[in-house]
Amino acid sequence: MPHSVRLHAHGGPEALVYEEMALPSPGPGEVLLRQHAIGVNYIDIYHRTGLYKLPSLPATIGSEGAGEVIGVGPGVERLKTGDRVAYAGPLGAYADVRVVPADRLVKLPDGIDYELAASMLLRGMTVRSLLRQVYPVDAGTTLLFHAAAGGVGLIACQWARALGATMIGTVSSDEKGELARENGCTHVINTKREDFVARVRTLTDGKGCDVVYDSVGKDTFPKSLDCLRPRGLWVSFGNSSGPVPPFELTALKGSLFATRPSILAYTATTQDLEENATDLFEMVLSKKIRITANHRYPLARAADAHRDLEARRTTGSVILVP
């Protein structure tokens, strides 16, 4: 009998319940997937706590996974039974088996296994959209990236290095700082003992950064704005410390720009999705980016994965294994 991790009410990690589930059937335009690895991301915590609203409860959370197609619904032509695929976006990942819309799946090339795919697809496509689309980073770019040793941050370190950019990263410990440096971060700021605004000003000779990527939220706002050059861009794409409070537009002094991008908006069509994923796969297969699942948990221990992620005891990617 297959199992899933269900959320019957919003709350702490203990709200995640491992229980039996019925075997679903794929409908029109859908496939049935036997999952081999499931990605754990901070958005899962937002769904669990209720910060991001779910359509209804009870619900199976999780939005990233990789596995084998074991059933195909009517009208599906681009996929067949036996295909190796992955996805990032459709809710319901915390399960042994699940139904996924066929147009939200990407085929895995040789050299990308299930655990690697589940370790990188959501984070990697997020980084690709941040550095190549939200702001076109190049060799002349100086950027600030908060949480540089996290799952998204470590990929960003490597991608920024490949682009030749100057990356300043914030971390919460010396150990995480060393990890960020090893992955290509040019300058590291330990926020436990350094004022990141003052340090950024020193590192940029008072000019500020072209772009700030901020997944922390409340604890780094509005100081992130003080790290930007005139007409710089503040990219808020997460809330690990809590949501950014409402603010007056006058806070964007210096003609600053602000955006709240979503990976769903940058992969809205199947063509967008495939282009984003293909670029990511090429970066990994060419070894410009190396990604590993630093933390693996059985599906039944999803609550432990959430506890460790919230307590900042993890670095890099976290996956569940059915």
Protein backbone atom coordinates (compact mmCIF):
# COMPACT_ATOMS: atom_id res chain seq x y z
CA MET A 1 0.00 0.00 0.00
CA PRO A 2 1.48 3.39 -0.94
CA HIS A 3 1.95 6.11 1.66
CA SER A 4 1.91 9.89 1.72
CA VAL A 5 2.66 12.62 4.26
CA ARG A 6 -0.54 14.57 4.88
CA LEU A 7 -1.28 17.88 6.52
CA HIS A 8 -4.66 17.88 8.30
CA ALA A 9 -4.17 21.24 10.04
CA HIS A 10 -1.55 23.98 9.88
CA GLY A 11 1.13 23.83 12.56
CA GLY A 12 4.64 22.71 13.43
CA PRO A 13 6.52 19.74 11.96
CA GLU A 14 4.39 17.41 14.09
CA ALA A 15 1.43 18.34 11.86
CA LEU A 16 2.92 16.18 9.09
CA VAL A 17 1.26 12.74 9.28
CA TYR A 18 2.62 9.67 7.48
CA GLU A 19 -0.35 7.55 6.39
CA GLU A 20 -1.59 5.07 3.82
CA MET A 21 -3.10 6.37 0.59
CA ALA A 22 -5.15 4.93 -2.23
CA LEU A 23 -3.42 4.37 -5.55
CA PRO A 24 -4.50 7.27 -7.81
CA SER A 25 -5.34 7.02 -11.51
CA PRO A 26 -4.14 9.52 -14.10
CA GLY A 27 -6.84 11.55 -15.82
CA PRO A 28 -6.72 13.31 -19.19
CA GLY A 29 -3.36 15.04 -19.69
CA GLU A 30 -1.88 13.40 -16.57
CA VAL A 31 0.64 10.67 -15.77
CA LEU A 32 1.08 8.41 -12.75
CA LEU A 33 4.54 8.66 -11.27
CA ARG A 34 6.40 6.26 -8.96
CA GLN A 35 8.64 8.64 -7.06
CA HIS A 36 12.26 7.81 -6.26
CA ALA A 37 13.22 11.10 -4.60
CA ILE A 38 11.38 14.16 -3.29
CA GLY A 39 12.83 17.63 -2.80
CA VAL A 40 12.28 19.48 0.48
CA ASN A 41 12.12 23.27 0.08
CA TYR A 42 11.33 26.23 2.29
CA ILE A 43 8.06 26.75 0.47
CA ASP A 44 6.94 23.44 2.03
CA ILE A 45 7.31 25.07 5.46
CA TYR A 46 5.28 28.06 4.29
CA HIS A 47 2.51 25.67 3.20
CA ARG A 48 2.70 23.70 6.46
CA THR A 49 2.43 26.80 8.65
CA GLY A 50 -0.24 28.47 6.55
CA LEU A 51 1.89 31.45 5.49
CA TYR A 52 1.15 30.37 1.92
CA LYS A 53 -2.46 29.24 1.59
CA LEU A 54 -3.31 25.74 0.36
CA PRO A 55 -6.45 25.15 -1.73
CA SER A 56 -7.91 22.95 1.02
CA LEU A 57 -7.10 20.64 3.93
CA PRO A 58 -6.21 17.83 4.36
CA ALA A 59 -3.45 18.14 1.77
CA THR A 60 -0.24 16.50 0.65
CA ILE A 61 2.42 19.19 0.46
CA GLY A 62 5.71 19.28 -1.45
CA SER A 63 6.32 20.62 -4.93
CA GLU A 64 9.40 18.82 -6.28
CA GLY A 65 10.17 15.22 -7.14
CA ALA A 66 11.63 12.76 -9.61
CA GLY A 67 10.59 9.29 -10.63
CA GLU A 68 9.41 6.85 -13.27
CA VAL A 69 6.21 7.10 -15.30
CA ILE A 70 4.08 4.03 -14.51
CA GLY A 71 0.80 5.13 -16.06
CA VAL A 72 -0.39 7.53 -18.76
CA GLY A 73 -3.78 9.21 -18.98
CA PRO A 74 -5.79 9.95 -22.13
CA GLY A 75 -4.32 12.54 -24.47
CA VAL A 76 -0.73 12.30 -23.25
CA GLU A 77 1.68 11.97 -26.18
CA ARG A 78 5.02 13.46 -25.07
CA LEU A 79 5.55 10.89 -22.29
CA LYS A 80 5.27 7.12 -22.01
CA THR A 81 5.54 4.40 -19.37
CA GLY A 82 9.13 3.96 -18.27
CA ASP A 83 10.24 7.55 -18.89
CA ARG A 84 12.48 9.11 -16.25
CA VAL A 85 11.08 12.51 -15.32
CA ALA A 86 11.13 15.29 -12.74
CA TYR A 87 8.98 18.27 -11.83
CA ALA A 88 8.99 21.42 -9.73
CA GLY A 89 5.73 23.16 -8.95
CA PRO A 90 2.70 20.86 -8.72
CA LEU A 91 1.69 20.30 -5.08
CA GLY A 92 1.49 16.77 -3.69
CA ALA A 93 5.11 15.58 -3.76
CA TYR A 94 5.30 13.97 -0.29
CA ALA A 95 4.08 10.56 -1.51
CA ASP A 96 5.31 7.22 -2.85
CA VAL A 97 3.20 7.64 -5.99
CA ARG A 98 1.33 10.61 -7.37
CA VAL A 99 -0.45 12.03 -10.41
CA VAL A 100 1.24 14.95 -12.20
CA PRO A 101 0.11 17.00 -15.22
CA ALA A 102 2.21 15.80 -18.14
CA ASP A 103 3.01 19.33 -19.30
CA ARG A 104 4.70 20.07 -15.92
CA LEU A 105 7.23 17.24 -16.29
CA VAL A 106 10.69 17.32 -17.86
CA LYS A 107 12.56 14.27 -19.09
CA LEU A 108 15.84 13.52 -17.33
CA PRO A 109 18.90 13.23 -19.55
CA ASP A 110 21.51 10.50 -19.08
CA GLY A 111 23.82 11.48 -16.25
CA ILE A 112 21.07 13.00 -14.08
CA ASP A 113 19.75 10.44 -11.59
CA TYR A 114 16.56 10.72 -9.54
CA GLU A 115 18.16 11.99 -6.34
CA LEU A 116 20.21 14.58 -8.20
CA ALA A 117 17.11 15.77 -10.05
CA ALA A 118 15.07 16.10 -6.84
CA SER A 119 18.01 17.91 -5.24
CA MET A 120 18.26 20.59 -7.86
CA LEU A 121 15.28 21.16 -10.14
CA LEU A 122 13.31 23.71 -8.10
CA ARG A 123 16.39 25.38 -6.63
CA GLY A 124 18.35 25.25 -9.87
CA MET A 125 15.57 26.62 -12.04
CA THR A 126 15.02 29.32 -9.42
CA VAL A 127 18.67 30.34 -9.69
CA ARG A 128 18.54 30.22 -13.47
CA SER A 129 15.54 32.56 -13.54
CA LEU A 130 17.08 34.88 -10.92
CA LEU A 131 20.49 35.24 -12.58
CA ARG A 132 19.51 34.98 -16.24
CA GLN A 133 16.02 36.51 -16.42
CA VAL A 134 15.02 38.56 -13.36
CA TYR A 135 18.39 40.34 -13.64
CA PRO A 136 20.80 39.41 -16.47
CA VAL A 137 23.99 38.80 -14.49
CA ASP A 138 27.29 39.00 -16.35
CA ALA A 139 31.00 39.52 -15.68
CA GLY A 140 30.43 43.16 -14.80
CA THR A 141 27.77 42.47 -12.16
CA THR A 142 28.27 42.83 -8.42
CA LEU A 143 25.51 41.08 -6.50
CA LEU A 144 24.57 40.40 -2.90
CA PHE A 145 23.01 37.01 -2.18
CA HIS A 146 21.58 36.33 1.27
CA ALA A 147 21.80 32.78 2.72
CA ALA A 148 24.64 31.94 0.36
CA ALA A 149 25.21 28.49 1.91
CA GLY A 150 21.60 27.35 1.57
CA GLY A 151 20.26 25.08 -1.13
CA VAL A 152 19.55 27.93 -3.55
CA GLY A 153 22.58 29.92 -2.42
CA LEU A 154 25.18 27.25 -3.16
CA ILE A 155 23.86 26.84 -6.69
CA ALA A 156 23.89 30.62 -7.09
CA CYS A 157 27.53 30.74 -5.94
CA GLN A 158 28.54 28.36 -8.69
CA TRP A 159 26.38 29.89 -11.42
CA ALA A 160 27.57 33.41 -10.59
CA ARG A 161 31.18 32.20 -10.74
CA ALA A 162 30.55 30.61 -14.13
CA LEU A 163 29.20 33.97 -15.35
CA GLY A 164 32.25 35.79 -14.00
CA ALA A 165 30.22 37.95 -11.60
CA THR A 166 31.39 39.31 -8.25
CA MET A 167 29.17 37.68 -5.60
CA ILE A 168 28.93 38.84 -2.01
CA GLY A 169 27.18 36.27 0.15
CA THR A 170 25.80 36.41 3.69
CA VAL A 171 25.98 33.39 6.01
CA SER A 172 25.26 32.66 9.67
CA SER A 173 28.49 30.82 10.61
CA ASP A 174 32.14 30.52 9.64
CA GLU A 175 31.54 26.92 8.53
CA LYS A 176 28.82 28.05 6.13
CA GLY A 177 31.07 30.86 4.97
CA GLU A 178 33.80 28.43 4.02
CA LEU A 179 31.27 26.30 2.14
CA ALA A 180 30.07 29.34 0.19
CA ARG A 181 33.66 30.25 -0.72
CA GLU A 182 34.38 26.70 -1.85
CA ASN A 183 31.40 26.96 -4.20
CA GLY A 184 32.54 30.22 -5.77
CA CYS A 185 31.29 33.08 -3.59
CA THR A 186 33.74 35.96 -4.01
CA HIS A 187 33.24 37.62 -0.60
CA VAL A 188 31.50 36.22 2.49
CA ILE A 189 29.86 38.14 5.34
CA ASN A 190 29.09 36.40 8.64
CA THR A 191 25.99 38.28 9.82
CA LYS A 192 26.43 37.00 13.37
CA ARG A 193 29.34 39.38 13.84
CA GLU A 194 29.34 41.78 10.88
CA ASP A 195 26.98 44.52 9.69
CA PHE A 196 26.32 43.40 6.14
CA VAL A 197 25.43 46.92 4.94
CA ALA A 198 28.73 48.39 6.14
CA ARG A 199 30.68 45.46 4.75
CA VAL A 200 28.98 45.70 1.35
CA ARG A 201 29.79 49.41 1.19
CA THR A 202 33.44 48.65 1.95
CA LEU A 203 33.66 45.84 -0.62
CA THR A 204 32.08 48.00 -3.34
CA ASP A 205 34.03 51.18 -2.54
CA GLY A 206 30.78 52.81 -1.48
CA LYS A 207 29.05 52.21 -4.81
CA GLY A 208 26.67 49.43 -3.72
CA CYS A 209 25.53 46.33 -5.59
CA ASP A 210 23.70 46.08 -8.88
CA VAL A 211 21.24 43.56 -7.49
CA VAL A 212 20.37 42.02 -4.10
CA TYR A 213 18.78 38.57 -3.96
CA ASP A 214 16.88 38.21 -0.68
CA SER A 215 15.18 35.01 0.46
CA VAL A 216 15.40 35.89 4.17
CA GLY A 217 12.73 38.59 4.36
CA LYS A 218 11.95 40.37 7.62
CA ASP A 219 15.45 40.16 9.15
CA THR A 220 17.22 41.61 6.10
CA PHE A 221 14.69 44.32 5.24
CA PRO A 222 15.06 47.27 4.79
CA LYS A 223 18.85 46.93 5.09
CA SER A 224 19.01 45.11 1.77
CA LEU A 225 17.90 48.32 0.07
CA ASP A 226 20.86 50.15 1.62
CA CYS A 227 23.22 47.78 -0.22
CA LEU A 228 22.08 48.86 -3.70
CA ARG A 229 23.54 51.36 -6.09
CA PRO A 230 21.18 53.99 -7.52
CA ARG A 231 18.67 52.28 -9.84
CA GLY A 232 19.65 48.91 -8.39
CA LEU A 233 17.23 45.98 -8.11
CA TRP A 234 16.05 44.31 -4.90
CA VAL A 235 14.76 40.79 -5.57
CA SER A 236 12.63 39.39 -2.73
CA PHE A 237 12.02 35.69 -3.35
CA GLY A 238 11.53 34.17 0.11
CA ASN A 239 10.66 34.75 3.76
CA SER A 240 12.77 32.36 5.87
CA SER A 241 12.77 34.84 8.80
CA GLY A 242 9.18 35.98 8.23
CA PRO A 243 7.44 38.10 5.60
CA VAL A 244 8.62 41.57 4.65
CA PRO A 245 6.29 44.09 6.31
CA PRO A 246 4.34 46.59 4.19
CA PHE A 247 6.47 49.61 3.32
CA GLU A 248 6.11 53.01 1.69
CA LEU A 249 7.31 53.42 -1.88
CA THR A 250 9.50 56.25 -0.62
CA ALA A 251 11.73 53.50 0.85
CA LEU A 252 12.94 52.91 -2.72
CA LYS A 253 15.07 56.04 -2.59
CA GLY A 254 17.67 56.35 -5.32
CA SER A 255 15.16 55.19 -7.94
CA LEU A 256 15.48 51.60 -6.77
CA PHE A 257 13.50 48.78 -8.32
CA ALA A 258 11.84 45.95 -6.38
CA THR A 259 10.36 42.67 -7.57
CA ARG A 260 8.82 39.52 -6.11
CA PRO A 261 9.46 36.82 -8.73
CA SER A 262 7.93 33.35 -8.78
CA ILE A 263 9.48 30.36 -10.51
CA LEU A 264 5.99 29.45 -11.71
CA ALA A 265 5.82 32.69 -13.68
CA TYR A 266 9.14 31.91 -15.35
CA THR A 267 8.12 28.34 -16.25
CA ALA A 268 4.49 29.04 -17.09
CA THR A 269 4.54 27.34 -20.49
CA THR A 270 5.95 23.92 -21.30
CA GLN A 271 8.48 25.62 -23.59
CA ASP A 272 9.64 27.96 -20.78
CA LEU A 273 9.89 24.99 -18.43
CA GLU A 274 11.93 22.88 -20.83
CA GLU A 275 14.29 25.76 -21.72
CA ASN A 276 14.92 26.52 -18.04
CA ALA A 277 15.50 22.87 -17.13
CA THR A 278 17.69 22.21 -20.18
CA ASP A 279 19.95 25.15 -19.29
CA LEU A 280 20.24 23.81 -15.73
CA PHE A 281 20.99 20.25 -16.88
CA GLU A 282 23.70 21.53 -19.23
CA MET A 283 25.37 23.48 -16.41
CA VAL A 284 25.40 20.36 -14.23
CA LEU A 285 26.49 17.92 -16.94
CA SER A 286 29.33 20.26 -17.94
CA LYS A 287 30.36 20.30 -14.25
CA LYS A 288 30.12 24.08 -14.02
CA ILE A 289 27.67 23.40 -11.21
CA ARG A 290 27.94 20.49 -8.77
CA ILE A 291 24.93 19.59 -6.64
CA THR A 292 24.62 16.91 -3.99
CA ALA A 293 21.88 15.85 -1.62
CA ASN A 294 23.63 16.70 1.64
CA HIS A 295 20.68 15.52 3.73
CA ARG A 296 18.52 12.44 3.05
CA TYR A 297 15.51 11.38 5.11
CA PRO A 298 13.00 8.56 4.68
CA LEU A 299 9.59 9.88 3.59
CA ALA A 300 8.20 8.83 6.98
CA ARG A 301 10.60 11.29 8.66
CA ALA A 302 9.51 14.37 6.73
CA ALA A 303 8.88 16.15 10.04
CA ASP A 304 12.56 15.74 10.98
CA ALA A 305 13.59 17.24 7.66
CA HIS A 306 11.41 20.27 8.39
CA ARG A 307 12.84 20.66 11.89
CA ASP A 308 16.41 20.64 10.62
CA LEU A 309 15.66 23.01 7.75
CA GLU A 310 13.92 25.53 10.01
CA ALA A 311 16.73 25.35 12.58
CA ARG A 312 19.31 26.09 9.85
CA ARG A 313 21.04 22.79 10.52
CA THR A 314 21.18 22.01 6.80
CA THR A 315 23.37 23.13 3.93
CA GLY A 316 22.65 22.51 0.29
CA SER A 317 19.84 20.22 -0.76
CA VAL A 318 17.45 18.16 1.39
CA ILE A 319 15.53 15.19 -0.04
CA LEU A 320 13.04 12.57 1.10
CA VAL A 321 13.38 8.99 -0.15
CA PRO A 322 10.16 6.93 -0.41
